[in-house]
N, C-alpha and C. Protein backbone atom coordinates (compact mmCIF):
# COMPACT_ATOMS: atom_id res chain seq x y z
N UNK A 1 -111.92 10.89 0.24
CA UNK A 1 -113.51 11.29 1.18
C UNK A 1 -113.43 12.85 1.04
N UNK A 2 -114.63 12.88 0.93
CA UNK A 2 -115.08 14.49 0.82
C UNK A 2 -115.66 15.00 2.32
N UNK A 3 -114.97 16.30 2.37
CA UNK A 3 -115.71 16.68 3.33
C UNK A 3 -116.69 17.99 3.36
N UNK A 4 -117.83 17.85 3.83
CA UNK A 4 -118.50 19.20 3.61
C UNK A 4 -118.93 19.91 4.76
N UNK A 5 -118.25 21.30 4.98
CA UNK A 5 -118.46 22.13 6.33
C UNK A 5 -119.56 22.93 6.19
N UNK A 6 -120.43 23.23 7.09
CA UNK A 6 -121.56 24.38 7.43
C UNK A 6 -121.79 25.00 8.47
N UNK A 7 -122.04 25.82 8.67
CA UNK A 7 -121.69 26.76 9.64
C UNK A 7 -123.37 27.48 9.80
N UNK A 8 -123.89 27.42 11.40
CA UNK A 8 -124.97 27.86 11.36
C UNK A 8 -124.98 27.80 13.02
N UNK A 9 -125.81 27.47 13.64
CA UNK A 9 -126.19 26.92 14.86
C UNK A 9 -125.41 26.16 15.61
N UNK A 10 -125.17 25.21 14.67
CA UNK A 10 -123.81 24.31 15.20
C UNK A 10 -123.11 23.89 13.67
N UNK A 11 -121.88 23.70 13.85
CA UNK A 11 -120.87 23.62 13.02
C UNK A 11 -121.39 22.11 12.17
N UNK A 12 -121.47 21.80 11.12
CA UNK A 12 -121.61 20.85 10.60
C UNK A 12 -120.49 20.14 10.19
N UNK A 13 -119.76 19.20 10.18
CA UNK A 13 -118.76 18.58 9.36
C UNK A 13 -119.24 17.16 8.60
N UNK A 14 -120.16 17.27 7.13
CA UNK A 14 -120.33 15.75 6.76
C UNK A 14 -119.12 15.40 6.19
N UNK A 15 -118.87 13.96 6.11
CA UNK A 15 -118.22 13.19 5.95
C UNK A 15 -118.66 11.84 4.79
N UNK A 16 -117.66 11.97 4.05
CA UNK A 16 -118.06 10.84 3.03
C UNK A 16 -117.24 9.91 2.72
N UNK A 17 -117.02 8.64 3.11
CA UNK A 17 -115.80 8.12 2.21
C UNK A 17 -115.37 7.22 3.62
N UNK A 18 -113.91 6.98 3.48
CA UNK A 18 -113.39 6.24 4.61
C UNK A 18 -112.09 7.10 5.19
N UNK A 19 -112.08 7.09 6.52
CA UNK A 19 -111.75 8.16 7.43
C UNK A 19 -110.54 7.40 7.73
N UNK A 20 -109.18 7.15 7.20
CA UNK A 20 -108.22 6.62 7.44
C UNK A 20 -106.98 7.52 7.42
N UNK A 21 -105.61 6.79 7.79
CA UNK A 21 -104.40 7.01 7.84
C UNK A 21 -104.47 8.56 6.98
N UNK A 22 -104.48 7.97 5.49
CA UNK A 22 -104.43 9.58 4.38
C UNK A 22 -105.51 10.65 4.48
N UNK A 23 -106.44 10.03 4.73
CA UNK A 23 -107.68 11.22 4.87
C UNK A 23 -107.67 11.76 6.18
N UNK A 24 -107.74 11.03 7.01
CA UNK A 24 -107.67 11.74 8.31
C UNK A 24 -106.44 12.81 8.80
N UNK A 25 -105.23 12.77 7.81
CA UNK A 25 -104.79 13.83 7.90
C UNK A 25 -105.27 15.08 7.08
N UNK A 26 -105.73 14.53 5.97
CA UNK A 26 -106.56 15.65 5.34
C UNK A 26 -107.61 16.49 6.17
N UNK A 27 -108.38 15.70 6.86
CA UNK A 27 -109.39 16.07 7.34
C UNK A 27 -108.71 17.45 8.66
N UNK A 28 -107.78 16.66 9.32
CA UNK A 28 -107.29 17.63 10.37
C UNK A 28 -106.74 18.78 9.83
N UNK A 29 -105.80 18.79 8.40
CA UNK A 29 -105.60 20.31 7.88
C UNK A 29 -107.02 21.33 7.86
N UNK A 30 -107.89 20.20 7.31
CA UNK A 30 -108.94 21.27 6.82
C UNK A 30 -109.77 21.76 8.12
N UNK A 31 -110.00 21.01 9.49
CA UNK A 31 -110.23 21.53 10.75
C UNK A 31 -109.42 22.73 11.05
N UNK A 32 -108.04 22.55 10.86
CA UNK A 32 -107.23 23.36 11.26
C UNK A 32 -107.45 24.89 11.08
N UNK A 33 -107.61 25.06 9.64
CA UNK A 33 -107.87 26.33 9.00
C UNK A 33 -108.98 26.89 9.08
N UNK A 34 -110.81 25.90 9.48
CA UNK A 34 -111.78 26.34 9.81
C UNK A 34 -111.69 27.12 11.32
N UNK A 35 -112.60 28.02 11.15
CA UNK A 35 -112.68 28.96 12.59
C UNK A 35 -113.74 28.50 13.01
N UNK A 36 -113.96 27.77 14.22
CA UNK A 36 -115.21 27.16 14.72
C UNK A 36 -115.30 28.76 15.60
N UNK A 37 -116.48 29.25 15.36
CA UNK A 37 -117.43 29.96 15.88
C UNK A 37 -118.68 29.20 16.96
N UNK A 38 -118.91 28.24 16.39
CA UNK A 38 -120.15 27.61 17.15
C UNK A 38 -119.53 27.03 18.54
N UNK A 39 -120.85 26.79 19.41
CA UNK A 39 -120.85 25.82 20.45
C UNK A 39 -120.19 24.41 20.34
N UNK A 40 -120.87 24.03 19.36
CA UNK A 40 -121.49 22.53 18.94
C UNK A 40 -121.05 22.38 17.90
N UNK A 41 -119.98 21.16 17.43
CA UNK A 41 -119.27 21.22 16.24
C UNK A 41 -119.83 19.21 16.19
N UNK A 42 -120.61 19.31 15.08
CA UNK A 42 -121.37 18.11 15.15
C UNK A 42 -120.75 17.30 13.57
N UNK A 43 -120.14 15.58 13.60
CA UNK A 43 -119.58 15.36 12.60
C UNK A 43 -120.56 14.15 12.24
N UNK A 44 -121.10 14.39 10.61
CA UNK A 44 -122.16 13.72 10.15
C UNK A 44 -121.72 12.55 9.75
N UNK A 45 -122.03 11.19 10.23
CA UNK A 45 -121.08 10.04 9.67
C UNK A 45 -122.37 9.35 8.74
N UNK A 46 -123.22 9.67 8.14
CA UNK A 46 -124.04 9.17 7.59
C UNK A 46 -123.64 8.57 6.38
N UNK A 47 -122.57 9.45 5.49
CA UNK A 47 -122.00 8.83 4.54
C UNK A 47 -120.50 7.91 4.76
N UNK A 48 -120.09 8.04 6.03
CA UNK A 48 -118.91 7.55 6.30
C UNK A 48 -118.84 5.97 6.54
N UNK A 49 -118.03 5.38 5.16
CA UNK A 49 -117.89 3.74 5.31
C UNK A 49 -116.99 2.94 6.54
N UNK A 50 -115.98 3.84 6.75
CA UNK A 50 -114.53 2.78 7.25
C UNK A 50 -113.98 4.04 8.22
N UNK A 51 -113.82 3.43 9.05
CA UNK A 51 -112.69 4.51 10.25
C UNK A 51 -111.98 3.57 10.91
N UNK A 52 -110.24 4.03 10.50
CA UNK A 52 -109.14 3.28 11.41
C UNK A 52 -109.23 3.67 12.31
N UNK A 53 -107.67 3.16 13.26
CA UNK A 53 -107.35 4.13 14.30
C UNK A 53 -106.50 5.45 14.22
N UNK A 54 -106.07 5.61 13.36
CA UNK A 54 -105.82 7.14 13.13
C UNK A 54 -106.96 7.81 12.98
N UNK A 55 -108.26 7.91 12.13
CA UNK A 55 -109.15 8.52 12.37
C UNK A 55 -110.01 8.62 14.02
N UNK A 56 -109.60 7.26 14.80
CA UNK A 56 -110.04 7.52 15.95
C UNK A 56 -109.38 8.44 16.98
N UNK A 57 -107.84 8.68 16.99
CA UNK A 57 -106.83 9.32 17.31
C UNK A 57 -107.43 10.59 17.13
N UNK A 58 -107.54 10.85 15.56
CA UNK A 58 -107.92 12.28 15.43
C UNK A 58 -109.37 12.71 15.67
N UNK A 59 -110.41 12.01 16.05
CA UNK A 59 -111.49 11.97 16.82
C UNK A 59 -111.50 12.69 18.21
N UNK A 60 -110.64 11.79 18.76
CA UNK A 60 -110.32 11.99 20.20
C UNK A 60 -109.51 13.74 20.59
N UNK A 61 -108.46 13.60 19.86
CA UNK A 61 -107.69 14.91 19.60
C UNK A 61 -108.61 15.96 19.19
N UNK A 62 -109.46 16.19 18.41
CA UNK A 62 -110.44 16.73 18.26
C UNK A 62 -111.59 17.26 19.35
N UNK A 63 -112.11 16.24 19.93
CA UNK A 63 -112.81 16.57 21.33
C UNK A 63 -111.94 17.07 22.51
N UNK A 64 -110.78 16.57 22.55
CA UNK A 64 -109.90 17.61 23.75
C UNK A 64 -109.76 19.08 23.38
N UNK A 65 -109.19 19.20 21.86
CA UNK A 65 -109.23 20.75 21.25
C UNK A 65 -110.58 21.24 22.15
N UNK A 66 -111.70 20.75 20.86
CA UNK A 66 -113.02 21.52 21.61
C UNK A 66 -113.37 21.80 23.43
N UNK A 67 -112.89 20.92 23.77
CA UNK A 67 -113.18 20.96 25.11
C UNK A 67 -112.35 21.75 25.93
N UNK A 68 -111.39 22.04 25.31
CA UNK A 68 -110.32 23.40 26.15
C UNK A 68 -111.17 24.54 26.07
N UNK A 69 -111.73 24.58 24.63
CA UNK A 69 -112.36 26.23 24.00
C UNK A 69 -114.11 25.98 24.74
N UNK A 70 -114.20 25.06 25.74
CA UNK A 70 -115.67 25.25 26.39
C UNK A 70 -116.59 24.71 24.97
N UNK A 71 -115.98 23.78 24.06
CA UNK A 71 -117.31 23.56 22.97
C UNK A 71 -116.88 22.05 23.03
N UNK A 72 -118.27 21.31 22.32
CA UNK A 72 -118.81 20.27 22.18
C UNK A 72 -118.40 19.51 20.85
N UNK A 73 -118.10 18.53 21.12
CA UNK A 73 -118.41 17.64 19.97
C UNK A 73 -119.40 16.59 19.94
N UNK A 74 -119.97 15.90 18.71
CA UNK A 74 -121.41 15.07 18.82
C UNK A 74 -121.23 14.70 17.14
N UNK A 75 -121.01 13.39 17.48
CA UNK A 75 -121.28 12.48 16.38
C UNK A 75 -122.73 11.76 15.93
N UNK A 76 -123.20 11.97 14.87
CA UNK A 76 -124.58 12.07 14.49
C UNK A 76 -124.41 10.82 13.17
N UNK A 77 -125.44 9.54 13.33
CA UNK A 77 -125.91 9.08 11.95
C UNK A 77 -124.63 7.86 11.87
N UNK A 78 -124.03 7.59 12.69
CA UNK A 78 -123.11 5.99 12.42
C UNK A 78 -123.71 5.10 12.10
N UNK A 79 -123.01 4.49 10.77
CA UNK A 79 -123.48 2.83 10.46
C UNK A 79 -123.09 1.69 11.53
N UNK A 80 -123.12 0.82 11.10
CA UNK A 80 -123.45 -0.24 11.90
C UNK A 80 -121.51 -0.95 11.60
N UNK A 81 -121.05 -0.53 10.70
CA UNK A 81 -119.54 -0.93 10.57
C UNK A 81 -118.61 0.09 11.55
N UNK A 82 -118.91 1.47 11.51
CA UNK A 82 -118.43 2.51 12.20
C UNK A 82 -118.63 2.13 13.94
N UNK A 83 -120.03 1.59 14.08
CA UNK A 83 -120.39 1.67 15.72
C UNK A 83 -119.55 0.37 16.00
N UNK A 84 -119.34 -0.51 14.77
CA UNK A 84 -118.72 -1.76 15.80
C UNK A 84 -117.38 -1.36 16.05
N UNK A 85 -116.42 -0.47 15.28
CA UNK A 85 -115.35 -0.19 15.57
C UNK A 85 -115.45 0.87 17.14
N UNK A 86 -116.33 1.51 17.24
CA UNK A 86 -116.51 1.99 18.16
C UNK A 86 -116.80 1.83 19.68
N UNK A 87 -117.85 0.62 19.63
CA UNK A 87 -117.87 -0.58 20.27
C UNK A 87 -116.77 -1.43 21.36
N UNK A 88 -115.82 -1.78 19.80
CA UNK A 88 -114.78 -2.48 20.20
C UNK A 88 -113.38 -1.79 20.62
N UNK A 89 -113.57 -0.87 20.47
CA UNK A 89 -112.07 0.52 21.10
C UNK A 89 -113.00 1.07 22.42
N UNK A 90 -113.86 0.84 22.68
CA UNK A 90 -114.39 1.67 24.08
C UNK A 90 -114.94 3.53 23.33
N UNK A 91 -114.42 3.73 22.36
CA UNK A 91 -114.75 4.95 21.81
C UNK A 91 -116.74 5.21 22.20
N UNK A 92 -117.23 4.24 22.34
CA UNK A 92 -118.74 4.72 21.99
C UNK A 92 -118.72 4.99 23.61
N UNK A 93 -118.37 5.32 24.50
CA UNK A 93 -118.08 5.49 25.95
C UNK A 93 -117.55 6.85 26.12
N UNK A 94 -116.54 7.42 25.16
CA UNK A 94 -116.03 8.45 24.97
C UNK A 94 -116.48 9.37 24.67
N UNK A 95 -116.99 9.32 23.33
CA UNK A 95 -117.53 10.16 22.31
C UNK A 95 -119.22 10.24 22.63
N UNK A 96 -119.62 11.48 22.23
CA UNK A 96 -120.83 11.69 22.64
C UNK A 96 -121.62 11.38 20.83
N UNK A 97 -122.32 10.09 20.93
CA UNK A 97 -122.87 9.74 19.29
C UNK A 97 -124.35 9.76 19.52
N UNK A 98 -125.35 10.22 18.75
CA UNK A 98 -126.56 10.33 18.64
C UNK A 98 -127.30 9.81 17.42
């Protein structure tokens, strides 16, 4: 998986590939090292092909961590495959998806 992070008015984390057991650990390690100065963290899923339960757990953990610091998590540009996973698991109602 490729991870591209840009800082500005919002922190944008663009993901490309699959967010599964292995890559969710990689993403978690990258995000732990990243200093979040912005009030909004955007996960750009335009190029994300697949998400597993490990990826969903990471998203929930990230959302809770950001909320503790009064920051928000937003997910943008999900494809139909990822959207279906969010619908089936109920994450569509938990996460802020644009």
